[in-house]
Amino acid sequence: MTVSNMQDYVTVSIADQLFGIPVLEVHDVLRGLSLTKIPLAPPEVAGALNLRGRIVTAIDVRKRLDLPELEEDENCMSIVVEHQGEPYSLMIDNVGEVLSLDLNELQPTPVTLNSRWKEISGGVYRLENKLLVLMQIEQLLSFADNSTIAA
């Protein structure tokens, strides 16, 4: 019996950078969000939305990673994940394909990567023409642990 070292990732793009999120951590993919602003929330919190009766906090991943904001007319997408039992909607530019990658080919995060990105990176895969940064959801949402985010 052979042990599989393959891991499936949903690829997402944010400002032309490719990120991978483990498939099992993705609960929903949404488009065309109707957000309600949350007063006094951290800048990364874009608002809240109602998803099948659950209040979901929307996180602007561009702000979290110090990237320029999307133009208003561009259509934003979102991936819903869970962190400490709470649902979060990660606002991204696009959802790509699901890639099955070999864990043996995972490389450490480059030291030259932006410090905000290094915080959330679980390593990188060198694809044919792009670098895929593995997004650690716990790290991405770690700012939420120390604040009073309430939807």
C-alpha atoms as a PDB file:
ATOM      1  CA  MET A   1       0.000   0.000   0.000  1.00  0.00           C
ATOM      2  CA  THR A   2       1.411   3.400  -0.980  1.00  0.00           C
ATOM      3  CA  VAL A   3       0.939   6.490   1.120  1.00  0.00           C
ATOM      4  CA  SER A   4      -0.196   9.497  -0.865  1.00  0.00           C
ATOM      5  CA  ASN A   5       1.694  12.724  -0.351  1.00  0.00           C
ATOM      6  CA  MET A   6      -0.721  14.631  -2.543  1.00  0.00           C
ATOM      7  CA  GLN A   7      -2.706  17.572  -1.191  1.00  0.00           C
ATOM      8  CA  ASP A   8      -5.519  19.366  -3.019  1.00  0.00           C
ATOM      9  CA  TYR A   9      -5.583  23.172  -3.009  1.00  0.00           C
ATOM     10  CA  VAL A  10      -8.117  25.675  -4.297  1.00  0.00           C
ATOM     11  CA  THR A  11      -6.131  28.354  -6.104  1.00  0.00           C
ATOM     12  CA  VAL A  12      -7.101  31.986  -5.705  1.00  0.00           C
ATOM     13  CA  SER A  13      -5.559  35.102  -7.161  1.00  0.00           C
ATOM     14  CA  ILE A  14      -5.082  38.375  -5.352  1.00  0.00           C
ATOM     15  CA  ALA A  15      -3.355  41.213  -7.227  1.00  0.00           C
ATOM     16  CA  ASP A  16      -1.954  38.746  -9.795  1.00  0.00           C
ATOM     17  CA  GLN A  17      -0.406  36.559  -7.085  1.00  0.00           C
ATOM     18  CA  LEU A  18      -1.467  32.930  -6.858  1.00  0.00           C
ATOM     19  CA  PHE A  19      -2.360  31.521  -3.431  1.00  0.00           C
ATOM     20  CA  GLY A  20      -3.402  28.021  -2.450  1.00  0.00           C
ATOM     21  CA  ILE A  21      -5.924  27.120   0.246  1.00  0.00           C
ATOM     22  CA  PRO A  22      -6.416  23.465   1.249  1.00  0.00           C
ATOM     23  CA  VAL A  23      -9.657  22.214  -0.341  1.00  0.00           C
ATOM     24  CA  LEU A  24     -10.955  20.830   2.945  1.00  0.00           C
ATOM     25  CA  GLU A  25     -10.832  24.315   4.515  1.00  0.00           C
ATOM     26  CA  VAL A  26     -13.069  25.875   1.837  1.00  0.00           C
ATOM     27  CA  HIS A  27     -16.777  25.797   2.715  1.00  0.00           C
ATOM     28  CA  ASP A  28     -18.258  28.051  -0.005  1.00  0.00           C
ATOM     29  CA  VAL A  29     -17.327  30.209  -2.975  1.00  0.00           C
ATOM     30  CA  LEU A  30     -19.379  33.390  -3.294  1.00  0.00           C
ATOM     31  CA  ARG A  31     -19.744  36.198  -5.826  1.00  0.00           C
ATOM     32  CA  GLY A  32     -21.495  39.560  -5.602  1.00  0.00           C
ATOM     33  CA  LEU A  33     -21.449  40.114  -1.862  1.00  0.00           C
ATOM     34  CA  SER A  34     -23.854  42.437  -0.094  1.00  0.00           C
ATOM     35  CA  LEU A  35     -21.902  43.600   2.948  1.00  0.00           C
ATOM     36  CA  THR A  36     -23.024  45.495   6.018  1.00  0.00           C
ATOM     37  CA  LYS A  37     -20.297  47.674   7.553  1.00  0.00           C
ATOM     38  CA  ILE A  38     -19.230  46.870  11.124  1.00  0.00           C
ATOM     39  CA  PRO A  39     -18.517  50.004  13.167  1.00  0.00           C
ATOM     40  CA  LEU A  40     -15.100  50.206  14.881  1.00  0.00           C
ATOM     41  CA  ALA A  41     -13.887  46.999  13.207  1.00  0.00           C
ATOM     42  CA  PRO A  42     -10.213  46.626  12.202  1.00  0.00           C
ATOM     43  CA  PRO A  43      -9.443  47.935   8.680  1.00  0.00           C
ATOM     44  CA  GLU A  44      -9.150  44.365   7.334  1.00  0.00           C
ATOM     45  CA  VAL A  45     -12.805  43.732   8.172  1.00  0.00           C
ATOM     46  CA  ALA A  46     -14.864  44.769   5.152  1.00  0.00           C
ATOM     47  CA  GLY A  47     -18.190  44.034   6.855  1.00  0.00           C
ATOM     48  CA  ALA A  48     -20.590  41.185   7.529  1.00  0.00           C
ATOM     49  CA  LEU A  49     -22.948  39.165   5.365  1.00  0.00           C
ATOM     50  CA  ASN A  50     -25.767  36.727   5.945  1.00  0.00           C
ATOM     51  CA  LEU A  51     -25.048  33.279   4.516  1.00  0.00           C
ATOM     52  CA  ARG A  52     -27.969  30.879   4.936  1.00  0.00           C
ATOM     53  CA  GLY A  53     -28.874  32.406   8.286  1.00  0.00           C
ATOM     54  CA  ARG A  54     -25.300  32.637   9.620  1.00  0.00           C
ATOM     55  CA  ILE A  55     -23.554  35.961  10.082  1.00  0.00           C
ATOM     56  CA  VAL A  56     -20.181  35.803   8.317  1.00  0.00           C
ATOM     57  CA  THR A  57     -17.383  38.327   8.839  1.00  0.00           C
ATOM     58  CA  ALA A  58     -15.880  39.450   5.512  1.00  0.00           C
ATOM     59  CA  ILE A  59     -12.116  39.981   5.460  1.00  0.00           C
ATOM     60  CA  ASP A  60     -10.481  42.144   2.790  1.00  0.00           C
ATOM     61  CA  VAL A  61      -7.410  40.022   2.049  1.00  0.00           C
ATOM     62  CA  ARG A  62      -5.881  42.830  -0.039  1.00  0.00           C
ATOM     63  CA  LYS A  63      -5.872  45.114   3.023  1.00  0.00           C
ATOM     64  CA  ARG A  64      -4.559  42.297   5.225  1.00  0.00           C
ATOM     65  CA  LEU A  65      -1.615  41.849   2.834  1.00  0.00           C
ATOM     66  CA  ASP A  66      -0.976  45.585   2.271  1.00  0.00           C
ATOM     67  CA  LEU A  67      -2.050  45.458  -1.376  1.00  0.00           C
ATOM     68  CA  PRO A  68      -3.843  48.221  -3.323  1.00  0.00           C
ATOM     69  CA  GLU A  69      -7.630  48.092  -3.225  1.00  0.00           C
ATOM     70  CA  LEU A  70      -9.612  46.652  -6.120  1.00  0.00           C
ATOM     71  CA  GLU A  71     -11.292  49.135  -8.415  1.00  0.00           C
ATOM     72  CA  GLU A  72     -14.950  49.506  -7.419  1.00  0.00           C
ATOM     73  CA  ASP A  73     -16.271  48.156 -10.725  1.00  0.00           C
ATOM     74  CA  GLU A  74     -14.203  44.990 -10.582  1.00  0.00           C
ATOM     75  CA  ASN A  75     -16.184  41.938  -9.510  1.00  0.00           C
ATOM     76  CA  CYS A  76     -14.891  40.544  -6.238  1.00  0.00           C
ATOM     77  CA  MET A  77     -15.217  36.930  -5.199  1.00  0.00           C
ATOM     78  CA  SER A  78     -15.061  35.348  -1.798  1.00  0.00           C
ATOM     79  CA  ILE A  79     -14.133  32.046  -0.209  1.00  0.00           C
ATOM     80  CA  VAL A  80     -15.805  31.067   3.067  1.00  0.00           C
ATOM     81  CA  VAL A  81     -13.581  29.349   5.633  1.00  0.00           C
ATOM     82  CA  GLU A  82     -13.922  28.638   9.332  1.00  0.00           C
ATOM     83  CA  HIS A  83     -11.598  29.834  12.080  1.00  0.00           C
ATOM     84  CA  GLN A  84     -12.151  28.865  15.727  1.00  0.00           C
ATOM     85  CA  GLY A  85     -15.725  27.848  14.970  1.00  0.00           C
ATOM     86  CA  GLU A  86     -16.627  31.140  13.248  1.00  0.00           C
ATOM     87  CA  PRO A  87     -17.204  31.547   9.500  1.00  0.00           C
ATOM     88  CA  TYR A  88     -15.133  34.136   7.624  1.00  0.00           C
ATOM     89  CA  SER A  89     -15.517  35.289   4.046  1.00  0.00           C
ATOM     90  CA  LEU A  90     -12.114  35.964   2.463  1.00  0.00           C
ATOM     91  CA  MET A  91     -12.489  38.595  -0.255  1.00  0.00           C
ATOM     92  CA  ILE A  92     -10.252  37.697  -3.187  1.00  0.00           C
ATOM     93  CA  ASP A  93      -9.946  38.656  -6.855  1.00  0.00           C
ATOM     94  CA  ASN A  94     -10.618  35.283  -8.493  1.00  0.00           C
ATOM     95  CA  VAL A  95     -10.977  31.598  -7.778  1.00  0.00           C
ATOM     96  CA  GLY A  96      -8.892  29.396 -10.041  1.00  0.00           C
ATOM     97  CA  GLU A  97      -8.691  25.651 -10.317  1.00  0.00           C
ATOM     98  CA  VAL A  98      -8.092  22.882  -7.824  1.00  0.00           C
ATOM     99  CA  LEU A  99      -4.511  21.640  -7.980  1.00  0.00           C
ATOM    100  CA  SER A 100      -3.292  18.362  -6.555  1.00  0.00           C
ATOM    101  CA  LEU A 101       0.297  18.981  -5.444  1.00  0.00           C
ATOM    102  CA  ASP A 102       2.962  16.741  -3.929  1.00  0.00           C
ATOM    103  CA  LEU A 103       3.818  17.723  -0.338  1.00  0.00           C
ATOM    104  CA  ASN A 104       7.409  16.629  -1.030  1.00  0.00           C
ATOM    105  CA  GLU A 105       7.724  19.512  -3.512  1.00  0.00           C
ATOM    106  CA  LEU A 106       6.609  22.134  -0.985  1.00  0.00           C
ATOM    107  CA  GLN A 107       9.437  24.595  -0.390  1.00  0.00           C
ATOM    108  CA  PRO A 108      10.049  26.952   2.525  1.00  0.00           C
ATOM    109  CA  THR A 109       8.768  30.507   2.260  1.00  0.00           C
ATOM    110  CA  PRO A 110      11.446  32.674   0.597  1.00  0.00           C
ATOM    111  CA  VAL A 111      13.120  35.089   3.033  1.00  0.00           C
ATOM    112  CA  THR A 112      12.641  37.847   0.462  1.00  0.00           C
ATOM    113  CA  LEU A 113       8.853  37.609   0.598  1.00  0.00           C
ATOM    114  CA  ASN A 114       7.017  40.634   2.033  1.00  0.00           C
ATOM    115  CA  SER A 115       6.809  40.295   5.838  1.00  0.00           C
ATOM    116  CA  ARG A 116       2.978  40.408   5.871  1.00  0.00           C
ATOM    117  CA  TRP A 117       2.968  37.586   3.320  1.00  0.00           C
ATOM    118  CA  LYS A 118       5.547  35.574   5.249  1.00  0.00           C
ATOM    119  CA  GLU A 119       3.217  35.661   8.287  1.00  0.00           C
ATOM    120  CA  ILE A 120       0.476  33.837   6.402  1.00  0.00           C
ATOM    121  CA  SER A 121       2.594  31.566   4.186  1.00  0.00           C
ATOM    122  CA  GLY A 122       2.836  27.855   4.826  1.00  0.00           C
ATOM    123  CA  GLY A 123       5.467  27.481   2.106  1.00  0.00           C
ATOM    124  CA  VAL A 124       5.519  27.789  -1.668  1.00  0.00           C
ATOM    125  CA  TYR A 125       5.229  25.652  -4.751  1.00  0.00           C
ATOM    126  CA  ARG A 126       7.120  26.639  -7.872  1.00  0.00           C
ATOM    127  CA  LEU A 127       4.704  26.066 -10.734  1.00  0.00           C
ATOM    128  CA  GLU A 128       5.582  26.367 -14.437  1.00  0.00           C
ATOM    129  CA  ASN A 129       5.233  30.132 -14.638  1.00  0.00           C
ATOM    130  CA  LYS A 130       4.116  31.249 -11.163  1.00  0.00           C
ATOM    131  CA  LEU A 131       4.862  30.942  -7.502  1.00  0.00           C
ATOM    132  CA  LEU A 132       1.973  29.488  -5.482  1.00  0.00           C
ATOM    133  CA  VAL A 133       1.985  30.739  -1.878  1.00  0.00           C
ATOM    134  CA  LEU A 134       0.166  28.425   0.534  1.00  0.00           C
ATOM    135  CA  MET A 135      -2.199  30.485   2.636  1.00  0.00           C
ATOM    136  CA  GLN A 136      -2.463  29.480   6.288  1.00  0.00           C
ATOM    137  CA  ILE A 137      -5.971  30.510   7.295  1.00  0.00           C
ATOM    138  CA  GLU A 138      -5.117  30.526  11.027  1.00  0.00           C
ATOM    139  CA  GLN A 139      -2.283  32.984  10.386  1.00  0.00           C
ATOM    140  CA  LEU A 140      -4.304  35.116   7.972  1.00  0.00           C
ATOM    141  CA  LEU A 141      -7.014  35.523  10.591  1.00  0.00           C
ATOM    142  CA  SER A 142      -4.671  35.765  13.584  1.00  0.00           C
ATOM    143  CA  PHE A 143      -5.337  39.503  13.886  1.00  0.00           C
ATOM    144  CA  ALA A 144      -8.931  38.524  14.734  1.00  0.00           C
ATOM    145  CA  ASP A 145      -7.871  36.550  17.813  1.00  0.00           C
ATOM    146  CA  ASN A 146      -6.694  39.617  19.697  1.00  0.00           C
ATOM    147  CA  SER A 147      -9.476  41.990  18.767  1.00  0.00           C
ATOM    148  CA  THR A 148     -13.168  42.190  19.379  1.00  0.00           C
ATOM    149  CA  ILE A 149     -14.513  41.239  15.994  1.00  0.00           C
ATOM    150  CA  ALA A 150     -18.192  40.645  16.391  1.00  0.00           C
ATOM    151  CA  ALA A 151     -20.689  40.447  13.603  1.00  0.00           C
END
